[in-house]
Protein backbone atom coordinates (compact mmCIF):
# COMPACT_ATOMS: atom_id res chain seq x y z
CA MET A 1 118.79 118.85 105.89
CA ARG A 2 115.68 119.45 107.99
CA GLY A 3 112.97 122.04 107.56
CA LYS A 4 110.97 123.15 104.56
CA ILE A 5 113.74 122.90 101.96
CA GLY A 6 114.62 119.41 103.16
CA ASP A 7 110.96 118.41 103.07
CA PHE A 8 110.56 119.70 99.53
CA GLU A 9 113.65 117.78 98.43
CA ARG A 10 112.25 114.62 100.01
CA LEU A 11 108.89 115.08 98.30
CA PHE A 12 110.69 115.72 95.00
CA HIS A 13 112.57 112.43 95.31
CA MET A 14 109.43 110.61 96.43
CA VAL A 15 107.72 111.71 93.22
CA LYS A 16 110.67 110.39 91.21
CA TRP A 17 110.39 106.98 92.94
CA CYS A 18 106.63 107.03 92.30
CA ARG A 19 107.26 107.66 88.61
CA LYS A 20 109.74 104.80 88.46
CA LEU A 21 107.07 102.53 89.96
CA LYS A 22 104.64 103.74 87.30
CA VAL A 23 107.18 102.66 84.68
CA VAL A 24 107.19 99.19 86.25
CA GLN A 25 103.40 99.13 86.13
CA ALA A 26 103.35 100.20 82.49
CA LYS A 27 105.91 97.53 81.62
CA VAL A 28 103.86 94.62 82.98
CA GLN A 29 100.30 96.04 83.21
CA SER A 30 98.88 93.21 85.32
CA TYR A 31 99.61 91.31 88.51
CA GLU A 32 100.06 88.08 86.56
CA GLN A 33 102.72 89.68 84.37
CA PHE A 34 104.30 91.32 87.42
CA ILE A 35 104.97 87.96 89.09
CA ALA A 36 105.70 86.04 85.89
CA LYS A 37 109.07 84.29 85.74
CA GLU A 38 110.44 86.54 82.99
CA SER A 39 109.66 89.74 84.89
CA TYR A 40 110.03 88.56 88.46
CA TYR A 41 112.98 90.89 89.04
CA LEU A 42 110.45 93.74 88.95
CA VAL A 43 109.07 92.57 92.29
CA ASP A 44 112.47 93.16 93.89
CA VAL A 45 112.96 96.45 92.04
CA SER A 46 109.53 97.64 93.17
CA ALA A 47 110.19 96.62 96.77
CA PHE A 48 113.39 98.66 96.67
CA TYR A 49 111.61 101.71 95.22
CA ILE A 50 108.85 101.48 97.84
CA GLY A 51 111.51 101.15 100.53
CA GLN A 52 113.18 104.33 99.27
CA ILE A 53 109.87 106.18 99.48
CA GLY A 54 109.48 104.92 103.03
CA GLU A 55 112.97 106.07 103.96
CA LEU A 56 112.24 109.56 102.64
CA ALA A 57 108.83 109.65 104.34
CA ARG A 58 110.37 108.64 107.64
CA THR A 59 112.47 111.81 107.70
CA LEU A 60 109.76 114.31 106.74
CA SER A 61 109.06 116.95 109.35
CA ASP A 62 105.91 116.69 111.45
CA GLU A 63 104.82 119.97 109.87
CA MET A 64 104.94 118.47 106.35
CA LYS A 65 103.18 115.32 107.51
CA THR A 66 100.44 117.52 108.92
CA THR A 67 100.22 119.42 105.62
CA LEU A 68 99.70 116.07 103.91
CA GLU A 69 97.60 114.59 106.70
CA ASP A 70 95.55 112.47 104.26
CA ILE A 71 98.66 110.38 103.51
CA GLN A 72 99.14 107.35 105.76
CA TRP A 73 102.72 108.11 106.78
CA ARG A 74 102.81 105.43 109.47
CA GLN A 75 101.74 102.78 106.96
CA ILE A 76 104.41 103.95 104.51
CA ASN A 77 107.06 103.63 107.21
CA ASP A 78 105.72 100.25 108.32
CA MET A 79 105.80 99.02 104.71
CA ARG A 80 109.40 100.16 104.38
CA ASN A 81 110.34 98.29 107.54
CA GLN A 82 108.53 95.15 106.41
CA LEU A 83 110.21 95.21 103.00
CA ILE A 84 113.67 95.93 104.34
CA HIS A 85 113.72 93.78 107.47
CA ASN A 86 111.54 90.75 106.67
CA TYR A 87 113.96 89.22 104.23
CA GLY A 88 112.22 87.03 101.68
CA LYS A 89 108.81 87.40 103.32
CA ARG A 90 107.27 90.12 101.23
CA SER A 91 103.87 89.84 99.70
CA LYS A 92 103.88 90.30 95.95
CA LYS A 93 100.17 91.09 96.09
CA ILE A 94 100.72 93.89 98.59
CA ILE A 95 103.58 95.35 96.56
CA TRP A 96 101.39 95.30 93.43
CA SER A 97 98.51 96.85 95.38
CA VAL A 98 100.78 99.66 96.58
CA ILE A 99 101.86 100.33 92.98
CA ILE A 100 98.30 100.36 91.64
CA GLU A 101 96.38 102.02 94.47
CA ASP A 102 98.70 104.02 96.69
CA ILE A 103 101.48 105.35 94.47
CA PRO A 104 99.21 107.46 92.22
CA VAL A 105 97.65 109.14 95.27
CA LEU A 106 101.01 109.75 96.94
CA GLU A 107 102.51 111.16 93.75
CA LYS A 108 99.57 113.52 93.19
CA ARG A 109 99.53 114.83 96.76
CA CYS A 110 103.30 115.36 96.83
CA LEU A 111 103.10 117.18 93.50
CA ASP A 112 100.28 119.39 94.81
CA VAL A 113 102.57 120.64 97.59
CA LEU A 114 105.63 120.91 95.36
CA ARG A 115 103.77 122.92 92.71
CA GLU A 116 102.79 125.50 95.32
CA TYR A 117 106.46 125.84 96.21
CA ASP A 118 107.93 125.72 92.68
CA SER A 119 105.91 126.14 89.49
CA ASN A 120 108.70 124.48 87.45
CA VAL A 121 108.79 121.29 89.52
CA ASP A 122 107.24 119.12 86.79
CA GLU A 123 109.98 120.06 84.35
CA ASP A 124 112.65 119.62 87.03
CA ILE A 125 111.39 116.11 87.79
CA ARG A 126 111.23 115.24 84.09
CA GLN A 127 114.75 116.48 83.59
CA ASP A 128 116.11 114.62 86.62
CA LEU A 129 114.50 111.35 85.55
CA ALA A 130 115.82 111.71 82.01
CA GLU A 131 119.37 112.44 83.19
CA GLU A 132 119.38 109.81 85.93
CA THR A 133 117.62 106.93 84.21
CA GLY A 134 116.87 107.76 80.59
CA ILE A 135 113.16 107.75 81.42
CA VAL A 136 111.41 110.39 79.38
CA TRP A 137 108.26 111.16 81.31
CA GLU A 138 105.19 112.37 79.44
CA ASP A 139 102.33 113.64 81.57
CA LYS A 140 99.08 112.03 80.61
């Protein structure tokens, strides 16, 4: 589905992936814990989530990318390609940096656009996450 509705659906799902990455961050809280042996699986999980965001970003319309021109769409796509196609050669530090620095900005900007389109989007995202994953999201 292309066009505005498709773009809004993609942004909606991007926010859900961002929230899942925030759950990872909350679980470990530091880079050292992120790469620790007992939580190492979170590196792979996070890489997958970031890859999903990249896949969604790749299919956004040029119009939506222009609306969100402050987002580095090319870098998001490049990160997706690096994570998906450079098997075993992903930088844990870069993944952690994306989670800490880039995901909050991306989530906020996507939500800004979605809220203009649908005032109930926050509740819809909360509900979807709860049904899909059991994550009960509380805005802070």
